[in-house]
Amino acid sequence: MKNKSTIVNKGFSLVEMLVAVALFTSVMLIGVGALLSLIDANRKAQALNSVMNNLNFALEGMSRNMRVGTTYHCSINNNVPPNIDTTKDCKNGGKLIGFEASSGDPDDPNDQFVYRVNGTQLEMSKTSGSANSFISIIAAEVTIEDFNFYVDGTSTSDGLQPRIVITIKGSAGVNEKTRTEFNLQTMVSQRVLDL
């Protein structure tokens, strides 16, 4: 009997190697793409969270100051009127509000808190809006597109408790890719009874 030696090829053929490498590359590209998308979404969420926390803090501080204030004066434009220490309603919306702060002197017309919209920023003055006294109270990444104060009940003879509705429409984000639009509304009523 003759023994024939059979040769058995061990290993992978070139075609099998090419298929394996192509499959591995495809899976890695999909995985890296998903990872980059997650990193980008996380970056956007963190930036938006930071900016919205800033806006929330500014709105909460403004609401708190208004709640304990008195003598509300609303104006339809953002120029400070000379009679900022007198009451005035804005039932159709205004761009500026001034009021006597809780720590203020009712006999001093130069210590009114004033909030206004100037361009795309929300500003505050603690000295009745005197020259160069306004400072921005929101981050530069927040763009205000529409902002209104609706003030009603400021007169002591109207039988209404003064109340202010604040509406804000804008966008927030570091760049166009991460920019997110928002709409906010809050209502503040004077803590001291005025009925």
N, C-alpha and C. Protein backbone atom coordinates (compact mmCIF):
# COMPACT_ATOMS: atom_id res chain seq x y z
N MET A 1 0.79 -1.16 0.00
CA MET A 1 0.00 0.00 0.00
C MET A 1 0.85 1.24 0.00
N LYS A 2 0.40 2.11 -0.79
CA LYS A 2 1.13 3.36 -0.91
C LYS A 2 0.47 4.42 -0.04
N ASN A 3 1.29 5.08 0.65
CA ASN A 3 0.77 6.21 1.44
C ASN A 3 0.88 7.48 0.63
N LYS A 4 -0.22 8.09 0.47
CA LYS A 4 -0.21 9.40 -0.17
C LYS A 4 -0.31 10.43 0.93
N SER A 5 0.58 11.30 0.89
CA SER A 5 0.51 12.36 1.90
C SER A 5 -0.41 13.45 1.37
N THR A 6 -1.32 13.76 2.17
CA THR A 6 -2.24 14.83 1.78
C THR A 6 -1.78 16.12 2.44
N ILE A 7 -1.80 17.12 1.66
CA ILE A 7 -1.38 18.43 2.17
C ILE A 7 -2.63 19.19 2.58
N VAL A 8 -2.67 19.59 3.82
CA VAL A 8 -3.79 20.36 4.33
C VAL A 8 -3.31 21.79 4.53
N ASN A 9 -3.99 22.71 3.87
CA ASN A 9 -3.62 24.12 4.02
C ASN A 9 -4.24 24.67 5.30
N LYS A 10 -3.41 25.21 6.14
CA LYS A 10 -3.89 25.82 7.37
C LYS A 10 -3.72 27.32 7.24
N GLY A 11 -4.68 28.10 7.86
CA GLY A 11 -4.60 29.56 7.80
C GLY A 11 -5.76 30.11 6.99
N PHE A 12 -5.68 31.39 6.67
CA PHE A 12 -6.75 32.08 5.97
C PHE A 12 -6.31 32.42 4.57
N SER A 13 -7.25 32.39 3.69
CA SER A 13 -6.93 32.81 2.33
C SER A 13 -6.96 34.34 2.28
N LEU A 14 -6.47 34.88 1.22
CA LEU A 14 -6.41 36.33 1.04
C LEU A 14 -7.81 36.94 1.01
N VAL A 15 -8.76 36.27 0.41
CA VAL A 15 -10.13 36.77 0.34
C VAL A 15 -10.75 36.82 1.74
N GLU A 16 -10.51 35.78 2.52
CA GLU A 16 -11.04 35.77 3.89
C GLU A 16 -10.45 36.91 4.72
N MET A 17 -9.18 37.18 4.54
CA MET A 17 -8.54 38.29 5.26
C MET A 17 -9.13 39.63 4.84
N LEU A 18 -9.35 39.82 3.56
CA LEU A 18 -9.92 41.08 3.08
C LEU A 18 -11.33 41.28 3.62
N VAL A 19 -12.13 40.24 3.64
CA VAL A 19 -13.49 40.34 4.17
C VAL A 19 -13.45 40.67 5.66
N ALA A 20 -12.58 40.03 6.41
CA ALA A 20 -12.49 40.27 7.85
C ALA A 20 -12.04 41.70 8.14
N VAL A 21 -11.05 42.19 7.41
CA VAL A 21 -10.57 43.56 7.62
C VAL A 21 -11.65 44.57 7.23
N ALA A 22 -12.35 44.34 6.14
CA ALA A 22 -13.42 45.26 5.71
C ALA A 22 -14.54 45.28 6.74
N LEU A 23 -14.92 44.14 7.27
CA LEU A 23 -15.96 44.07 8.28
C LEU A 23 -15.54 44.78 9.56
N PHE A 24 -14.32 44.55 9.99
CA PHE A 24 -13.80 45.21 11.19
C PHE A 24 -13.75 46.73 11.01
N THR A 25 -13.31 47.18 9.85
CA THR A 25 -13.23 48.62 9.56
C THR A 25 -14.62 49.24 9.57
N SER A 26 -15.59 48.57 8.98
CA SER A 26 -16.96 49.10 8.96
C SER A 26 -17.52 49.24 10.36
N VAL A 27 -17.35 48.22 11.17
CA VAL A 27 -17.85 48.26 12.55
C VAL A 27 -17.16 49.37 13.34
N MET A 28 -15.86 49.53 13.16
CA MET A 28 -15.13 50.58 13.88
C MET A 28 -15.57 51.97 13.43
N LEU A 29 -15.79 52.17 12.14
CA LEU A 29 -16.25 53.48 11.66
C LEU A 29 -17.62 53.83 12.22
N ILE A 30 -18.51 52.87 12.26
CA ILE A 30 -19.84 53.12 12.83
C ILE A 30 -19.72 53.42 14.32
N GLY A 31 -18.90 52.68 15.02
CA GLY A 31 -18.71 52.90 16.45
C GLY A 31 -18.09 54.25 16.76
N VAL A 32 -17.06 54.65 16.01
CA VAL A 32 -16.42 55.94 16.22
C VAL A 32 -17.38 57.08 15.87
N GLY A 33 -18.16 56.91 14.81
CA GLY A 33 -19.15 57.93 14.45
C GLY A 33 -20.18 58.12 15.54
N ALA A 34 -20.65 57.01 16.11
CA ALA A 34 -21.62 57.10 17.20
C ALA A 34 -21.00 57.75 18.43
N LEU A 35 -19.75 57.42 18.73
CA LEU A 35 -19.06 58.02 19.87
C LEU A 35 -18.90 59.53 19.68
N LEU A 36 -18.51 59.95 18.48
CA LEU A 36 -18.37 61.38 18.21
C LEU A 36 -19.71 62.11 18.30
N SER A 37 -20.77 61.47 17.85
CA SER A 37 -22.11 62.07 17.98
C SER A 37 -22.50 62.23 19.44
N LEU A 38 -22.20 61.23 20.25
CA LEU A 38 -22.50 61.32 21.68
C LEU A 38 -21.69 62.42 22.36
N ILE A 39 -20.43 62.55 22.00
CA ILE A 39 -19.59 63.61 22.57
C ILE A 39 -20.13 64.98 22.19
N ASP A 40 -20.54 65.14 20.93
CA ASP A 40 -21.09 66.42 20.47
C ASP A 40 -22.41 66.74 21.18
N ALA A 41 -23.27 65.74 21.34
CA ALA A 41 -24.55 65.95 22.03
C ALA A 41 -24.31 66.30 23.50
N ASN A 42 -23.34 65.67 24.12
CA ASN A 42 -23.01 65.97 25.51
C ASN A 42 -22.48 67.40 25.65
N ARG A 43 -21.63 67.81 24.73
CA ARG A 43 -21.09 69.17 24.75
C ARG A 43 -22.23 70.19 24.60
N LYS A 44 -23.16 69.93 23.69
CA LYS A 44 -24.30 70.83 23.49
C LYS A 44 -25.17 70.88 24.74
N ALA A 45 -25.42 69.74 25.34
CA ALA A 45 -26.26 69.70 26.54
C ALA A 45 -25.61 70.44 27.70
N GLN A 46 -24.30 70.29 27.88
CA GLN A 46 -23.62 70.99 28.96
C GLN A 46 -23.61 72.49 28.73
N ALA A 47 -23.35 72.93 27.50
CA ALA A 47 -23.35 74.36 27.20
C ALA A 47 -24.74 74.95 27.39
N LEU A 48 -25.75 74.26 26.91
CA LEU A 48 -27.12 74.74 27.06
C LEU A 48 -27.54 74.78 28.53
N ASN A 49 -27.16 73.78 29.28
CA ASN A 49 -27.48 73.74 30.71
C ASN A 49 -26.84 74.91 31.44
N SER A 50 -25.59 75.21 31.13
CA SER A 50 -24.91 76.33 31.77
C SER A 50 -25.58 77.65 31.44
N VAL A 51 -25.90 77.85 30.17
CA VAL A 51 -26.53 79.10 29.74
C VAL A 51 -27.93 79.23 30.32
N MET A 52 -28.71 78.16 30.32
CA MET A 52 -30.07 78.23 30.85
C MET A 52 -30.06 78.42 32.37
N ASN A 53 -29.07 77.85 33.06
CA ASN A 53 -28.94 78.11 34.49
C ASN A 53 -28.66 79.59 34.73
N ASN A 54 -27.82 80.18 33.89
CA ASN A 54 -27.54 81.61 33.99
C ASN A 54 -28.81 82.44 33.78
N LEU A 55 -29.58 82.11 32.76
CA LEU A 55 -30.82 82.83 32.49
C LEU A 55 -31.83 82.63 33.62
N ASN A 56 -31.94 81.42 34.13
CA ASN A 56 -32.84 81.13 35.23
C ASN A 56 -32.45 81.92 36.48
N PHE A 57 -31.16 81.99 36.76
CA PHE A 57 -30.68 82.75 37.91
C PHE A 57 -31.01 84.23 37.76
N ALA A 58 -30.81 84.79 36.57
CA ALA A 58 -31.12 86.21 36.32
C ALA A 58 -32.61 86.47 36.47
N LEU A 59 -33.43 85.61 35.90
CA LEU A 59 -34.89 85.78 35.97
C LEU A 59 -35.39 85.63 37.41
N GLU A 60 -34.83 84.69 38.14
CA GLU A 60 -35.23 84.49 39.54
C GLU A 60 -34.84 85.69 40.39
N GLY A 61 -33.64 86.23 40.19
CA GLY A 61 -33.21 87.41 40.94
C GLY A 61 -34.08 88.62 40.62
N MET A 62 -34.40 88.79 39.34
CA MET A 62 -35.25 89.89 38.92
C MET A 62 -36.64 89.74 39.54
N SER A 63 -37.20 88.55 39.51
CA SER A 63 -38.53 88.31 40.09
C SER A 63 -38.53 88.56 41.59
N ARG A 64 -37.49 88.12 42.27
CA ARG A 64 -37.40 88.31 43.72
C ARG A 64 -37.35 89.80 44.06
N ASN A 65 -36.54 90.56 43.31
CA ASN A 65 -36.46 92.01 43.56
C ASN A 65 -37.79 92.69 43.30
N MET A 66 -38.48 92.28 42.24
CA MET A 66 -39.78 92.89 41.92
C MET A 66 -40.83 92.53 42.96
N ARG A 67 -40.81 91.32 43.45
CA ARG A 67 -41.81 90.85 44.41
C ARG A 67 -41.81 91.70 45.68
N VAL A 68 -40.63 92.09 46.14
CA VAL A 68 -40.54 92.86 47.39
C VAL A 68 -40.46 94.36 47.13
N GLY A 69 -40.55 94.77 45.87
CA GLY A 69 -40.50 96.19 45.52
C GLY A 69 -41.87 96.84 45.57
N THR A 70 -41.89 98.15 45.31
CA THR A 70 -43.13 98.93 45.24
C THR A 70 -42.97 99.98 44.16
N THR A 71 -44.03 100.71 43.88
CA THR A 71 -44.03 101.86 42.95
C THR A 71 -43.48 101.45 41.58
N TYR A 72 -44.16 100.55 40.91
CA TYR A 72 -43.72 100.04 39.61
C TYR A 72 -44.02 101.05 38.51
N HIS A 73 -43.05 101.26 37.64
CA HIS A 73 -43.22 102.15 36.49
C HIS A 73 -42.76 101.39 35.25
N CYS A 74 -43.65 101.22 34.29
CA CYS A 74 -43.34 100.49 33.06
C CYS A 74 -43.30 101.47 31.90
N SER A 75 -42.40 101.24 30.96
CA SER A 75 -42.27 102.11 29.78
C SER A 75 -42.21 101.24 28.53
N ILE A 76 -42.79 101.75 27.44
CA ILE A 76 -42.84 100.95 26.21
C ILE A 76 -41.52 100.93 25.46
N ASN A 77 -40.59 101.84 25.78
CA ASN A 77 -39.27 101.77 25.17
C ASN A 77 -38.22 101.61 26.26
N ASN A 78 -36.97 101.44 25.87
CA ASN A 78 -35.95 101.15 26.88
C ASN A 78 -35.20 102.39 27.37
N ASN A 79 -35.69 103.58 27.05
CA ASN A 79 -35.10 104.80 27.58
C ASN A 79 -35.73 105.11 28.93
N VAL A 80 -34.90 105.47 29.90
CA VAL A 80 -35.39 105.73 31.25
C VAL A 80 -36.12 107.07 31.28
N PRO A 81 -37.41 107.08 31.65
CA PRO A 81 -38.15 108.35 31.72
C PRO A 81 -37.76 109.14 32.97
N PRO A 82 -37.96 110.45 32.95
CA PRO A 82 -37.59 111.26 34.12
C PRO A 82 -38.46 110.99 35.34
N ASN A 83 -39.66 110.50 35.14
CA ASN A 83 -40.58 110.23 36.26
C ASN A 83 -40.59 108.75 36.63
N ILE A 84 -39.43 108.11 36.67
CA ILE A 84 -39.33 106.67 36.93
C ILE A 84 -39.82 106.31 38.34
N ASP A 85 -39.90 107.30 39.24
CA ASP A 85 -40.32 107.03 40.61
C ASP A 85 -41.83 107.16 40.82
N THR A 86 -42.60 107.25 39.72
CA THR A 86 -44.07 107.28 39.80
C THR A 86 -44.62 105.98 39.19
N THR A 87 -45.85 105.64 39.53
CA THR A 87 -46.43 104.39 39.03
C THR A 87 -46.98 104.56 37.62
N LYS A 88 -46.86 103.50 36.84
CA LYS A 88 -47.41 103.49 35.48
C LYS A 88 -47.58 102.05 35.02
N ASP A 89 -48.77 101.72 34.50
CA ASP A 89 -49.07 100.39 33.97
C ASP A 89 -48.60 100.27 32.52
N CYS A 90 -48.40 99.04 32.09
CA CYS A 90 -48.14 98.70 30.68
C CYS A 90 -48.96 97.45 30.38
N LYS A 91 -50.24 97.62 30.12
CA LYS A 91 -51.10 96.47 29.87
C LYS A 91 -50.80 95.81 28.54
N ASN A 92 -50.19 96.57 27.60
CA ASN A 92 -49.86 96.03 26.28
C ASN A 92 -48.40 95.65 26.15
N GLY A 93 -47.65 95.69 27.22
CA GLY A 93 -46.26 95.28 27.21
C GLY A 93 -45.31 96.45 27.13
N GLY A 94 -44.20 96.33 27.84
CA GLY A 94 -43.18 97.36 27.85
C GLY A 94 -41.80 96.74 27.83
N LYS A 95 -40.80 97.55 27.53
CA LYS A 95 -39.41 97.09 27.43
C LYS A 95 -38.57 97.49 28.63
N LEU A 96 -39.14 98.29 29.55
CA LEU A 96 -38.39 98.77 30.71
C LEU A 96 -39.32 98.80 31.92
N ILE A 97 -38.79 98.43 33.07
CA ILE A 97 -39.55 98.56 34.31
C ILE A 97 -38.63 99.11 35.39
N GLY A 98 -39.15 100.05 36.15
CA GLY A 98 -38.44 100.61 37.29
C GLY A 98 -39.32 100.46 38.52
N PHE A 99 -38.72 100.32 39.68
CA PHE A 99 -39.49 100.19 40.92
C PHE A 99 -38.61 100.53 42.10
N GLU A 100 -39.28 100.85 43.20
CA GLU A 100 -38.58 101.13 44.45
C GLU A 100 -38.21 99.80 45.08
N ALA A 101 -36.93 99.58 45.30
CA ALA A 101 -36.46 98.33 45.90
C ALA A 101 -36.84 98.29 47.37
N SER A 102 -36.85 97.10 47.94
CA SER A 102 -37.23 96.95 49.35
C SER A 102 -36.27 97.70 50.26
N SER A 103 -35.03 97.85 49.84
CA SER A 103 -34.04 98.57 50.65
C SER A 103 -33.96 100.05 50.29
N GLY A 104 -34.82 100.49 49.37
CA GLY A 104 -34.75 101.88 48.90
C GLY A 104 -35.49 102.86 49.78
N ASP A 105 -35.25 104.13 49.50
CA ASP A 105 -35.91 105.22 50.21
C ASP A 105 -37.00 105.78 49.30
N PRO A 106 -38.27 105.70 49.69
CA PRO A 106 -39.36 106.20 48.83
C PRO A 106 -39.24 107.68 48.50
N ASP A 107 -38.50 108.44 49.30
CA ASP A 107 -38.33 109.87 49.04
C ASP A 107 -37.15 110.17 48.13
N ASP A 108 -36.36 109.15 47.77
CA ASP A 108 -35.19 109.35 46.90
C ASP A 108 -35.51 108.82 45.51
N PRO A 109 -35.67 109.71 44.50
CA PRO A 109 -36.00 109.24 43.15
C PRO A 109 -34.82 108.62 42.40
N ASN A 110 -33.64 108.61 43.00
CA ASN A 110 -32.44 108.12 42.32
C ASN A 110 -31.99 106.74 42.79
N ASP A 111 -32.85 106.03 43.51
CA ASP A 111 -32.45 104.69 43.97
C ASP A 111 -33.38 103.60 43.45
N GLN A 112 -34.04 103.87 42.34
CA GLN A 112 -34.95 102.89 41.74
C GLN A 112 -34.15 101.78 41.06
N PHE A 113 -34.63 100.54 41.18
CA PHE A 113 -34.09 99.45 40.38
C PHE A 113 -34.75 99.55 39.01
N VAL A 114 -33.96 99.40 37.95
CA VAL A 114 -34.49 99.48 36.59
C VAL A 114 -33.98 98.27 35.81
N TYR A 115 -34.90 97.57 35.16
CA TYR A 115 -34.56 96.47 34.26
C TYR A 115 -35.02 96.87 32.87
N ARG A 116 -34.20 96.57 31.86
CA ARG A 116 -34.57 96.89 30.50
C ARG A 116 -33.92 95.91 29.53
N VAL A 117 -34.49 95.88 28.33
CA VAL A 117 -33.90 95.12 27.23
C VAL A 117 -33.13 96.12 26.38
N ASN A 118 -31.88 95.82 26.13
CA ASN A 118 -31.05 96.68 25.29
C ASN A 118 -30.44 95.82 24.19
N GLY A 119 -31.00 95.91 23.01
CA GLY A 119 -30.55 95.04 21.92
C GLY A 119 -30.99 93.62 22.19
N THR A 120 -30.02 92.74 22.39
CA THR A 120 -30.33 91.33 22.67
C THR A 120 -29.99 90.95 24.10
N GLN A 121 -29.70 91.93 24.94
CA GLN A 121 -29.30 91.67 26.32
C GLN A 121 -30.28 92.27 27.32
N LEU A 122 -30.35 91.67 28.49
CA LEU A 122 -31.17 92.15 29.59
C LEU A 122 -30.25 92.86 30.57
N GLU A 123 -30.58 94.11 30.91
CA GLU A 123 -29.70 94.92 31.75
C GLU A 123 -30.42 95.38 33.01
N MET A 124 -29.61 95.73 34.02
CA MET A 124 -30.13 96.19 35.30
C MET A 124 -29.33 97.39 35.78
N SER A 125 -30.04 98.32 36.43
CA SER A 125 -29.41 99.46 37.09
C SER A 125 -30.03 99.58 38.48
N LYS A 126 -29.19 99.88 39.47
CA LYS A 126 -29.69 100.08 40.83
C LYS A 126 -29.74 101.56 41.19
N THR A 127 -29.49 102.43 40.21
CA THR A 127 -29.46 103.88 40.47
C THR A 127 -30.36 104.62 39.50
N SER A 128 -31.57 104.17 39.34
CA SER A 128 -32.59 104.81 38.49
C SER A 128 -32.17 104.97 37.04
N GLY A 129 -31.27 104.14 36.59
CA GLY A 129 -30.85 104.18 35.19
C GLY A 129 -29.96 105.34 34.84
N SER A 130 -29.21 105.84 35.83
CA SER A 130 -28.30 106.96 35.55
C SER A 130 -27.24 106.52 34.54
N ALA A 131 -26.56 107.50 33.96
CA ALA A 131 -25.59 107.24 32.89
C ALA A 131 -24.57 106.18 33.29
N ASN A 132 -24.33 105.24 32.39
CA ASN A 132 -23.35 104.17 32.55
C ASN A 132 -23.59 103.29 33.78
N SER A 133 -24.83 103.20 34.24
CA SER A 133 -25.10 102.39 35.43
C SER A 133 -25.69 101.02 35.09
N PHE A 134 -25.98 100.77 33.82
CA PHE A 134 -26.59 99.50 33.44
C PHE A 134 -25.53 98.43 33.25
N ILE A 135 -25.81 97.24 33.77
CA ILE A 135 -24.95 96.08 33.56
C ILE A 135 -25.81 94.94 33.03
N SER A 136 -25.22 94.12 32.17
CA SER A 136 -25.94 92.96 31.64
C SER A 136 -26.04 91.90 32.73
N ILE A 137 -27.20 91.29 32.85
CA ILE A 137 -27.39 90.27 33.90
C ILE A 137 -27.52 88.87 33.32
N ILE A 138 -27.34 88.72 32.02
CA ILE A 138 -27.37 87.40 31.40
C ILE A 138 -26.08 87.18 30.62
N ALA A 139 -25.77 85.94 30.35
CA ALA A 139 -24.56 85.59 29.62
C ALA A 139 -24.64 86.06 28.17
N ALA A 140 -23.48 86.30 27.59
CA ALA A 140 -23.42 86.76 26.20
C ALA A 140 -23.95 85.70 25.24
N GLU A 141 -23.97 84.44 25.66
CA GLU A 141 -24.47 83.35 24.80
C GLU A 141 -25.99 83.34 24.69
N VAL A 142 -26.67 84.11 25.53
CA VAL A 142 -28.13 84.21 25.48
C VAL A 142 -28.50 85.40 24.63
N THR A 143 -29.33 85.17 23.62
CA THR A 143 -29.80 86.24 22.74
C THR A 143 -31.30 86.42 22.96
N ILE A 144 -31.69 87.60 23.40
CA ILE A 144 -33.10 87.91 23.62
C ILE A 144 -33.68 88.44 22.31
N GLU A 145 -34.70 87.77 21.80
CA GLU A 145 -35.36 88.21 20.57
C GLU A 145 -36.60 89.04 20.87
N ASP A 146 -37.33 88.68 21.92
CA ASP A 146 -38.52 89.43 22.32
C ASP A 146 -38.64 89.35 23.83
N PHE A 147 -38.87 90.49 24.46
CA PHE A 147 -38.94 90.56 25.92
C PHE A 147 -39.96 91.62 26.28
N ASN A 148 -40.91 91.28 27.14
CA ASN A 148 -41.94 92.24 27.53
C ASN A 148 -42.28 92.12 29.00
N PHE A 149 -42.56 93.29 29.60
CA PHE A 149 -43.14 93.38 30.93
C PHE A 149 -44.58 93.81 30.75
N TYR A 150 -45.52 93.05 31.28
CA TYR A 150 -46.93 93.44 31.30
C TYR A 150 -47.26 93.79 32.75
N VAL A 151 -47.49 95.07 33.00
CA VAL A 151 -47.68 95.56 34.37
C VAL A 151 -49.10 96.07 34.52
N ASP A 152 -49.76 95.68 35.61
CA ASP A 152 -51.14 96.09 35.86
C ASP A 152 -51.34 96.25 37.37
N GLY A 153 -52.19 97.19 37.75
CA GLY A 153 -52.55 97.37 39.15
C GLY A 153 -51.59 98.23 39.94
N THR A 154 -50.82 99.10 39.29
CA THR A 154 -49.82 99.88 40.03
C THR A 154 -50.42 101.03 40.82
N SER A 155 -51.57 101.53 40.40
CA SER A 155 -52.20 102.64 41.12
C SER A 155 -52.78 102.15 42.44
N THR A 156 -52.62 102.94 43.48
CA THR A 156 -53.14 102.53 44.80
C THR A 156 -54.66 102.64 44.87
N SER A 157 -55.27 103.35 43.92
CA SER A 157 -56.73 103.54 43.96
C SER A 157 -57.50 102.59 43.05
N ASP A 158 -56.82 101.67 42.37
CA ASP A 158 -57.53 100.80 41.42
C ASP A 158 -58.08 99.53 42.05
N GLY A 159 -57.76 99.26 43.30
CA GLY A 159 -58.29 98.08 43.97
C GLY A 159 -57.64 96.78 43.53
N LEU A 160 -56.54 96.85 42.79
CA LEU A 160 -55.84 95.66 42.30
C LEU A 160 -54.47 95.56 42.94
N GLN A 161 -54.05 94.33 43.19
CA GLN A 161 -52.70 94.10 43.67
C GLN A 161 -51.76 94.20 42.46
N PRO A 162 -50.68 94.99 42.53
CA PRO A 162 -49.78 95.09 41.39
C PRO A 162 -49.22 93.73 40.99
N ARG A 163 -49.20 93.49 39.69
CA ARG A 163 -48.66 92.24 39.17
C ARG A 163 -47.93 92.51 37.87
N ILE A 164 -46.91 91.70 37.63
CA ILE A 164 -46.06 91.85 36.46
C ILE A 164 -45.93 90.49 35.80
N VAL A 165 -46.23 90.42 34.53
CA VAL A 165 -46.00 89.21 33.75
C VAL A 165 -44.79 89.49 32.87
N ILE A 166 -43.81 88.60 32.92
CA ILE A 166 -42.58 88.74 32.15
C ILE A 166 -42.56 87.64 31.10
N THR A 167 -42.42 88.01 29.83
CA THR A 167 -42.30 87.01 28.76
C THR A 167 -40.97 87.20 28.06
N ILE A 168 -40.32 86.09 27.77
CA ILE A 168 -39.01 86.11 27.11
C ILE A 168 -39.02 85.10 25.98
N LYS A 169 -38.57 85.53 24.82
CA LYS A 169 -38.34 84.63 23.70
C LYS A 169 -36.92 84.88 23.23
N GLY A 170 -36.18 83.81 23.03
CA GLY A 170 -34.80 83.98 22.60
C GLY A 170 -34.16 82.67 22.24
N SER A 171 -32.84 82.71 22.17
CA SER A 171 -32.07 81.51 21.87
C SER A 171 -30.81 81.52 22.71
N ALA A 172 -30.28 80.34 22.94
CA ALA A 172 -29.09 80.21 23.76
C ALA A 172 -28.17 79.18 23.13
N GLY A 173 -26.89 79.44 23.22
CA GLY A 173 -25.90 78.52 22.71
C GLY A 173 -24.63 79.25 22.35
N VAL A 174 -23.53 78.50 22.32
CA VAL A 174 -22.23 79.09 22.03
C VAL A 174 -22.08 79.37 20.55
N ASN A 175 -22.57 78.48 19.70
CA ASN A 175 -22.48 78.69 18.25
C ASN A 175 -23.78 78.22 17.60
N GLU A 176 -23.87 78.40 16.29
CA GLU A 176 -25.11 78.05 15.58
C GLU A 176 -25.46 76.58 15.70
N LYS A 177 -24.47 75.74 15.79
CA LYS A 177 -24.72 74.29 15.87
C LYS A 177 -25.37 73.91 17.20
N THR A 178 -25.01 74.63 18.26
CA THR A 178 -25.54 74.30 19.59
C THR A 178 -26.65 75.25 20.03
N ARG A 179 -27.10 76.14 19.17
CA ARG A 179 -28.12 77.14 19.53
C ARG A 179 -29.48 76.47 19.68
N THR A 180 -30.17 76.80 20.78
CA THR A 180 -31.48 76.27 21.08
C THR A 180 -32.42 77.41 21.43
N GLU A 181 -33.62 77.39 20.88
CA GLU A 181 -34.60 78.44 21.16
C GLU A 181 -35.37 78.13 22.44
N PHE A 182 -35.84 79.20 23.10
CA PHE A 182 -36.63 79.02 24.31
C PHE A 182 -37.70 80.10 24.39
N ASN A 183 -38.76 79.80 25.13
CA ASN A 183 -39.84 80.73 25.47
C ASN A 183 -40.10 80.57 26.96
N LEU A 184 -40.01 81.67 27.70
CA LEU A 184 -40.24 81.63 29.14
C LEU A 184 -41.29 82.67 29.51
N GLN A 185 -42.03 82.38 30.56
CA GLN A 185 -43.00 83.34 31.09
C GLN A 185 -43.08 83.13 32.59
N THR A 186 -43.15 84.23 33.31
CA THR A 186 -43.33 84.16 34.76
C THR A 186 -44.18 85.35 35.20
N MET A 187 -44.84 85.19 36.33
CA MET A 187 -45.66 86.27 36.87
C MET A 187 -45.21 86.58 38.29
N VAL A 188 -45.16 87.86 38.59
CA VAL A 188 -44.74 88.34 39.90
C VAL A 188 -45.83 89.25 40.43
N SER A 189 -46.18 89.09 41.69
CA SER A 189 -47.10 90.04 42.32
C SER A 189 -46.41 90.66 43.53
N GLN A 190 -46.75 91.89 43.80
CA GLN A 190 -46.14 92.62 44.91
C GLN A 190 -46.49 91.94 46.22
N ARG A 191 -45.50 91.75 47.07
CA ARG A 191 -45.73 91.08 48.35
C ARG A 191 -46.52 91.97 49.32
N VAL A 192 -46.20 93.27 49.35
CA VAL A 192 -46.90 94.20 50.24
C VAL A 192 -48.29 94.44 49.69
N LEU A 193 -49.31 94.32 50.54
CA LEU A 193 -50.69 94.52 50.09
C LEU A 193 -50.90 95.96 49.64
N ASP A 194 -51.60 96.10 48.50
CA ASP A 194 -51.84 97.41 47.90
C ASP A 194 -53.31 97.52 47.52
N LEU A 195 -54.19 96.98 48.32
CA LEU A 195 -55.62 96.98 47.99
C LEU A 195 -56.36 98.12 48.64
